[in-house]
Amino acid sequence: MLRNFTLEYWVDEGWYVGRIKEVPGVFSQGETLDELESNIKEAYKLMMLEEEKLPYAEIQRKEVGLEV
């Protein structure tokens, strides 16, 4: 399934640095915008693989309301 996310990026000392706005913790960098996009996709995939290893049977969930 394809889902679109927002890549926020900036240039820092000649490097393109970015993050996925909707997924906290997914950051990467690249020498070009294309390289950043490729690297950020890889970072997301690696994060999702790590998520699969978590012991979900022990995780509990509760819905909370937040003022936005």
PDB file of N, CA and C in Angstrom:
ATOM      1  N   MET A   1       0.838  -1.172   0.000  1.00  0.00           N
ATOM      2  CA  MET A   1       0.000   0.000   0.000  1.00  0.00           C
ATOM      3  C   MET A   1       0.889   1.243   0.000  1.00  0.00           C
ATOM      4  N   LEU A   2       0.559   2.183  -0.838  1.00  0.00           N
ATOM      5  CA  LEU A   2       1.290   3.444  -0.927  1.00  0.00           C
ATOM      6  C   LEU A   2       0.570   4.489  -0.099  1.00  0.00           C
ATOM      7  N   ARG A   3       1.311   5.143   0.768  1.00  0.00           N
ATOM      8  CA  ARG A   3       0.769   6.236   1.575  1.00  0.00           C
ATOM      9  C   ARG A   3       1.715   7.425   1.441  1.00  0.00           C
ATOM     10  N   ASN A   4       1.186   8.586   1.241  1.00  0.00           N
ATOM     11  CA  ASN A   4       2.009   9.780   1.091  1.00  0.00           C
ATOM     12  C   ASN A   4       2.244  10.458   2.432  1.00  0.00           C
ATOM     13  N   PHE A   5       3.473  10.904   2.636  1.00  0.00           N
ATOM     14  CA  PHE A   5       3.870  11.636   3.827  1.00  0.00           C
ATOM     15  C   PHE A   5       4.492  12.959   3.395  1.00  0.00           C
ATOM     16  N   THR A   6       4.697  13.842   4.356  1.00  0.00           N
ATOM     17  CA  THR A   6       5.303  15.139   4.095  1.00  0.00           C
ATOM     18  C   THR A   6       6.780  15.093   4.459  1.00  0.00           C
ATOM     19  N   LEU A   7       7.647  15.345   3.479  1.00  0.00           N
ATOM     20  CA  LEU A   7       9.081  15.454   3.727  1.00  0.00           C
ATOM     21  C   LEU A   7       9.395  16.920   3.966  1.00  0.00           C
ATOM     22  N   GLU A   8       9.778  17.244   5.200  1.00  0.00           N
ATOM     23  CA  GLU A   8      10.239  18.592   5.515  1.00  0.00           C
ATOM     24  C   GLU A   8      11.755  18.568   5.448  1.00  0.00           C
ATOM     25  N   TYR A   9      12.344  19.526   4.737  1.00  0.00           N
ATOM     26  CA  TYR A   9      13.811  19.496   4.596  1.00  0.00           C
ATOM     27  C   TYR A   9      14.390  20.895   4.580  1.00  0.00           C
ATOM     28  N   TRP A  10      15.684  20.961   4.847  1.00  0.00           N
ATOM     29  CA  TRP A  10      16.425  22.213   4.851  1.00  0.00           C
ATOM     30  C   TRP A  10      17.861  21.908   4.447  1.00  0.00           C
ATOM     31  N   VAL A  11      18.626  22.935   4.140  1.00  0.00           N
ATOM     32  CA  VAL A  11      20.027  22.752   3.754  1.00  0.00           C
ATOM     33  C   VAL A  11      20.890  23.213   4.931  1.00  0.00           C
ATOM     34  N   ASP A  12      21.793  22.336   5.352  1.00  0.00           N
ATOM     35  CA  ASP A  12      22.680  22.619   6.476  1.00  0.00           C
ATOM     36  C   ASP A  12      24.110  22.307   6.058  1.00  0.00           C
ATOM     37  N   GLU A  13      24.913  23.343   5.908  1.00  0.00           N
ATOM     38  CA  GLU A  13      26.311  23.202   5.499  1.00  0.00           C
ATOM     39  C   GLU A  13      26.450  22.369   4.220  1.00  0.00           C
ATOM     40  N   GLY A  14      25.569  22.642   3.262  1.00  0.00           N
ATOM     41  CA  GLY A  14      25.636  21.983   1.964  1.00  0.00           C
ATOM     42  C   GLY A  14      24.926  20.636   1.886  1.00  0.00           C
ATOM     43  N   TRP A  15      24.391  20.133   2.989  1.00  0.00           N
ATOM     44  CA  TRP A  15      23.670  18.854   3.012  1.00  0.00           C
ATOM     45  C   TRP A  15      22.176  19.113   3.102  1.00  0.00           C
ATOM     46  N   TYR A  16      21.411  18.310   2.392  1.00  0.00           N
ATOM     47  CA  TYR A  16      19.962  18.323   2.529  1.00  0.00           C
ATOM     48  C   TYR A  16      19.617  17.441   3.719  1.00  0.00           C
ATOM     49  N   VAL A  17      18.945  18.019   4.694  1.00  0.00           N
ATOM     50  CA  VAL A  17      18.560  17.310   5.913  1.00  0.00           C
ATOM     51  C   VAL A  17      17.044  17.337   5.990  1.00  0.00           C
ATOM     52  N   GLY A  18      16.446  16.222   6.362  1.00  0.00           N
ATOM     53  CA  GLY A  18      14.994  16.215   6.389  1.00  0.00           C
ATOM     54  C   GLY A  18      14.405  15.220   7.357  1.00  0.00           C
ATOM     55  N   ARG A  19      13.090  15.341   7.506  1.00  0.00           N
ATOM     56  CA  ARG A  19      12.340  14.442   8.378  1.00  0.00           C
ATOM     57  C   ARG A  19      10.969  14.201   7.779  1.00  0.00           C
ATOM     58  N   ILE A  20      10.359  13.106   8.179  1.00  0.00           N
ATOM     59  CA  ILE A  20       8.978  12.826   7.799  1.00  0.00           C
ATOM     60  C   ILE A  20       8.105  13.469   8.874  1.00  0.00           C
ATOM     61  N   LYS A  21       7.336  14.465   8.499  1.00  0.00           N
ATOM     62  CA  LYS A  21       6.549  15.246   9.455  1.00  0.00           C
ATOM     63  C   LYS A  21       5.601  14.379  10.274  1.00  0.00           C
ATOM     64  N   GLU A  22       4.947  13.428   9.636  1.00  0.00           N
ATOM     65  CA  GLU A  22       3.921  12.628  10.313  1.00  0.00           C
ATOM     66  C   GLU A  22       4.484  11.460  11.119  1.00  0.00           C
ATOM     67  N   VAL A  23       5.783  11.189  11.004  1.00  0.00           N
ATOM     68  CA  VAL A  23       6.375  10.035  11.696  1.00  0.00           C
ATOM     69  C   VAL A  23       7.567  10.519  12.525  1.00  0.00           C
ATOM     70  N   PRO A  24       7.351  10.811  13.809  1.00  0.00           N
ATOM     71  CA  PRO A  24       8.451  11.298  14.648  1.00  0.00           C
ATOM     72  C   PRO A  24       9.628  10.334  14.659  1.00  0.00           C
ATOM     73  N   GLY A  25      10.820  10.893  14.591  1.00  0.00           N
ATOM     74  CA  GLY A  25      12.024  10.071  14.682  1.00  0.00           C
ATOM     75  C   GLY A  25      12.621   9.631  13.365  1.00  0.00           C
ATOM     76  N   VAL A  26      11.956   9.917  12.246  1.00  0.00           N
ATOM     77  CA  VAL A  26      12.499   9.527  10.945  1.00  0.00           C
ATOM     78  C   VAL A  26      13.187  10.740  10.321  1.00  0.00           C
ATOM     79  N   PHE A  27      14.510  10.767  10.463  1.00  0.00           N
ATOM     80  CA  PHE A  27      15.354  11.831   9.921  1.00  0.00           C
ATOM     81  C   PHE A  27      16.403  11.212   9.017  1.00  0.00           C
ATOM     82  N   SER A  28      16.915  11.985   8.070  1.00  0.00           N
ATOM     83  CA  SER A  28      18.043  11.542   7.260  1.00  0.00           C
ATOM     84  C   SER A  28      18.663  12.759   6.589  1.00  0.00           C
ATOM     85  N   GLN A  29      19.670  12.488   5.749  1.00  0.00           N
ATOM     86  CA  GLN A  29      20.343  13.557   5.018  1.00  0.00           C
ATOM     87  C   GLN A  29      20.872  13.013   3.700  1.00  0.00           C
ATOM     88  N   GLY A  30      21.259  13.914   2.829  1.00  0.00           N
ATOM     89  CA  GLY A  30      21.845  13.526   1.548  1.00  0.00           C
ATOM     90  C   GLY A  30      22.530  14.715   0.904  1.00  0.00           C
ATOM     91  N   GLU A  31      23.422  14.420  -0.030  1.00  0.00           N
ATOM     92  CA  GLU A  31      24.122  15.499  -0.726  1.00  0.00           C
ATOM     93  C   GLU A  31      23.226  16.220  -1.723  1.00  0.00           C
ATOM     94  N   THR A  32      22.157  15.537  -2.165  1.00  0.00           N
ATOM     95  CA  THR A  32      21.178  16.126  -3.077  1.00  0.00           C
ATOM     96  C   THR A  32      19.782  15.853  -2.522  1.00  0.00           C
ATOM     97  N   LEU A  33      18.796  16.553  -3.053  1.00  0.00           N
ATOM     98  CA  LEU A  33      17.423  16.313  -2.626  1.00  0.00           C
ATOM     99  C   LEU A  33      16.984  14.895  -2.990  1.00  0.00           C
ATOM    100  N   ASP A  34      17.390  14.402  -4.158  1.00  0.00           N
ATOM    101  CA  ASP A  34      17.057  13.029  -4.552  1.00  0.00           C
ATOM    102  C   ASP A  34      17.670  12.011  -3.595  1.00  0.00           C
ATOM    103  N   GLU A  35      18.926  12.258  -3.189  1.00  0.00           N
ATOM    104  CA  GLU A  35      19.582  11.342  -2.252  1.00  0.00           C
ATOM    105  C   GLU A  35      18.893  11.391  -0.886  1.00  0.00           C
ATOM    106  N   LEU A  36      18.501  12.576  -0.445  1.00  0.00           N
ATOM    107  CA  LEU A  36      17.760  12.691   0.811  1.00  0.00           C
ATOM    108  C   LEU A  36      16.467  11.896   0.737  1.00  0.00           C
ATOM    109  N   GLU A  37      15.735  12.029  -0.357  1.00  0.00           N
ATOM    110  CA  GLU A  37      14.466  11.312  -0.500  1.00  0.00           C
ATOM    111  C   GLU A  37      14.693   9.804  -0.454  1.00  0.00           C
ATOM    112  N   SER A  38      15.702   9.317  -1.128  1.00  0.00           N
ATOM    113  CA  SER A  38      16.025   7.890  -1.096  1.00  0.00           C
ATOM    114  C   SER A  38      16.402   7.451   0.323  1.00  0.00           C
ATOM    115  N   ASN A  39      17.237   8.255   0.988  1.00  0.00           N
ATOM    116  CA  ASN A  39      17.685   7.907   2.336  1.00  0.00           C
ATOM    117  C   ASN A  39      16.556   7.950   3.354  1.00  0.00           C
ATOM    118  N   ILE A  40      15.630   8.896   3.201  1.00  0.00           N
ATOM    119  CA  ILE A  40      14.531   9.007   4.154  1.00  0.00           C
ATOM    120  C   ILE A  40      13.582   7.828   3.991  1.00  0.00           C
ATOM    121  N   LYS A  41      13.402   7.353   2.759  1.00  0.00           N
ATOM    122  CA  LYS A  41      12.572   6.162   2.529  1.00  0.00           C
ATOM    123  C   LYS A  41      13.210   4.946   3.184  1.00  0.00           C
ATOM    124  N   GLU A  42      14.522   4.822   3.074  1.00  0.00           N
ATOM    125  CA  GLU A  42      15.236   3.708   3.699  1.00  0.00           C
ATOM    126  C   GLU A  42      15.140   3.795   5.223  1.00  0.00           C
ATOM    127  N   ALA A  43      15.282   4.996   5.771  1.00  0.00           N
ATOM    128  CA  ALA A  43      15.175   5.184   7.224  1.00  0.00           C
ATOM    129  C   ALA A  43      13.786   4.771   7.709  1.00  0.00           C
ATOM    130  N   TYR A  44      12.752   5.113   6.948  1.00  0.00           N
ATOM    131  CA  TYR A  44      11.383   4.735   7.305  1.00  0.00           C
ATOM    132  C   TYR A  44      11.227   3.211   7.291  1.00  0.00           C
ATOM    133  N   LYS A  45      11.745   2.576   6.245  1.00  0.00           N
ATOM    134  CA  LYS A  45      11.649   1.112   6.151  1.00  0.00           C
ATOM    135  C   LYS A  45      12.350   0.437   7.317  1.00  0.00           C
ATOM    136  N   LEU A  46      13.537   0.926   7.664  1.00  0.00           N
ATOM    137  CA  LEU A  46      14.278   0.347   8.792  1.00  0.00           C
ATOM    138  C   LEU A  46      13.532   0.536  10.106  1.00  0.00           C
ATOM    139  N   MET A  47      12.924   1.695  10.286  1.00  0.00           N
ATOM    140  CA  MET A  47      12.151   1.931  11.499  1.00  0.00           C
ATOM    141  C   MET A  47      10.967   0.970  11.579  1.00  0.00           C
ATOM    142  N   MET A  48      10.292   0.749  10.453  1.00  0.00           N
ATOM    143  CA  MET A  48       9.135  -0.148  10.449  1.00  0.00           C
ATOM    144  C   MET A  48       9.559  -1.591  10.737  1.00  0.00           C
ATOM    145  N   LEU A  49      10.729  -2.006  10.250  1.00  0.00           N
ATOM    146  CA  LEU A  49      11.226  -3.348  10.565  1.00  0.00           C
ATOM    147  C   LEU A  49      11.474  -3.508  12.055  1.00  0.00           C
ATOM    148  N   GLU A  50      12.015  -2.479  12.698  1.00  0.00           N
ATOM    149  CA  GLU A  50      12.248  -2.514  14.144  1.00  0.00           C
ATOM    150  C   GLU A  50      10.931  -2.562  14.900  1.00  0.00           C
ATOM    151  N   GLU A  51       9.923  -1.844  14.404  1.00  0.00           N
ATOM    152  CA  GLU A  51       8.604  -1.844  15.042  1.00  0.00           C
ATOM    153  C   GLU A  51       8.007  -3.255  15.064  1.00  0.00           C
ATOM    154  N   GLU A  52       8.237  -4.022  14.006  1.00  0.00           N
ATOM    155  CA  GLU A  52       7.698  -5.378  13.926  1.00  0.00           C
ATOM    156  C   GLU A  52       8.271  -6.284  15.009  1.00  0.00           C
ATOM    157  N   LYS A  53       9.445  -5.944  15.529  1.00  0.00           N
ATOM    158  CA  LYS A  53      10.103  -6.773  16.531  1.00  0.00           C
ATOM    159  C   LYS A  53       9.614  -6.488  17.951  1.00  0.00           C
ATOM    160  N   LEU A  54       8.831  -5.425  18.139  1.00  0.00           N
ATOM    161  CA  LEU A  54       8.366  -5.078  19.475  1.00  0.00           C
ATOM    162  C   LEU A  54       7.360  -6.112  19.980  1.00  0.00           C
ATOM    163  N   PRO A  55       7.327  -6.348  21.274  1.00  0.00           N
ATOM    164  CA  PRO A  55       6.392  -7.329  21.852  1.00  0.00           C
ATOM    165  C   PRO A  55       4.983  -6.746  21.963  1.00  0.00           C
ATOM    166  N   TYR A  56       4.266  -6.704  20.860  1.00  0.00           N
ATOM    167  CA  TYR A  56       2.961  -6.045  20.830  1.00  0.00           C
ATOM    168  C   TYR A  56       1.940  -6.680  21.756  1.00  0.00           C
ATOM    169  N   ALA A  57       2.103  -7.941  22.108  1.00  0.00           N
ATOM    170  CA  ALA A  57       1.147  -8.584  23.006  1.00  0.00           C
ATOM    171  C   ALA A  57       1.130  -7.875  24.359  1.00  0.00           C
ATOM    172  N   GLU A  58       2.214  -7.209  24.718  1.00  0.00           N
ATOM    173  CA  GLU A  58       2.309  -6.543  26.009  1.00  0.00           C
ATOM    174  C   GLU A  58       1.895  -5.073  25.956  1.00  0.00           C
ATOM    175  N   ILE A  59       1.730  -4.520  24.764  1.00  0.00           N
ATOM    176  CA  ILE A  59       1.397  -3.107  24.626  1.00  0.00           C
ATOM    177  C   ILE A  59      -0.094  -2.905  24.838  1.00  0.00           C
ATOM    178  N   GLN A  60      -0.419  -1.922  25.670  1.00  0.00           N
ATOM    179  CA  GLN A  60      -1.812  -1.571  25.899  1.00  0.00           C
ATOM    180  C   GLN A  60      -2.071  -0.212  25.277  1.00  0.00           C
ATOM    181  N   ARG A  61      -3.315   0.018  24.891  1.00  0.00           N
ATOM    182  CA  ARG A  61      -3.662   1.271  24.233  1.00  0.00           C
ATOM    183  C   ARG A  61      -4.859   1.915  24.911  1.00  0.00           C
ATOM    184  N   LYS A  62      -4.873   3.251  24.883  1.00  0.00           N
ATOM    185  CA  LYS A  62      -5.998   4.005  25.412  1.00  0.00           C
ATOM    186  C   LYS A  62      -6.151   5.250  24.560  1.00  0.00           C
ATOM    187  N   GLU A  63      -7.361   5.541  24.143  1.00  0.00           N
ATOM    188  CA  GLU A  63      -7.609   6.726  23.345  1.00  0.00           C
ATOM    189  C   GLU A  63      -7.618   7.953  24.253  1.00  0.00           C
ATOM    190  N   VAL A  64      -6.943   9.007  23.812  1.00  0.00           N
ATOM    191  CA  VAL A  64      -6.927  10.263  24.573  1.00  0.00           C
ATOM    192  C   VAL A  64      -7.263  11.414  23.625  1.00  0.00           C
ATOM    193  N   GLY A  65      -7.876  12.445  24.162  1.00  0.00           N
ATOM    194  CA  GLY A  65      -8.193  13.624  23.365  1.00  0.00           C
ATOM    195  C   GLY A  65      -7.134  14.698  23.580  1.00  0.00           C
ATOM    196  N   LEU A  66      -6.747  15.342  22.490  1.00  0.00           N
ATOM    197  CA  LEU A  66      -5.757  16.411  22.558  1.00  0.00           C
ATOM    198  C   LEU A  66      -6.312  17.649  21.878  1.00  0.00           C
ATOM    199  N   GLU A  67      -6.110  18.792  22.495  1.00  0.00           N
ATOM    200  CA  GLU A  67      -6.522  20.067  21.890  1.00  0.00           C
ATOM    201  C   GLU A  67      -5.539  20.400  20.768  1.00  0.00           C
ATOM    202  N   VAL A  68      -6.052  20.685  19.569  1.00  0.00           N
ATOM    203  CA  VAL A  68      -5.187  21.018  18.435  1.00  0.00           C
ATOM    204  C   VAL A  68      -5.520  22.392  17.894  1.00  0.00           C
TER     205      VAL A  68
END
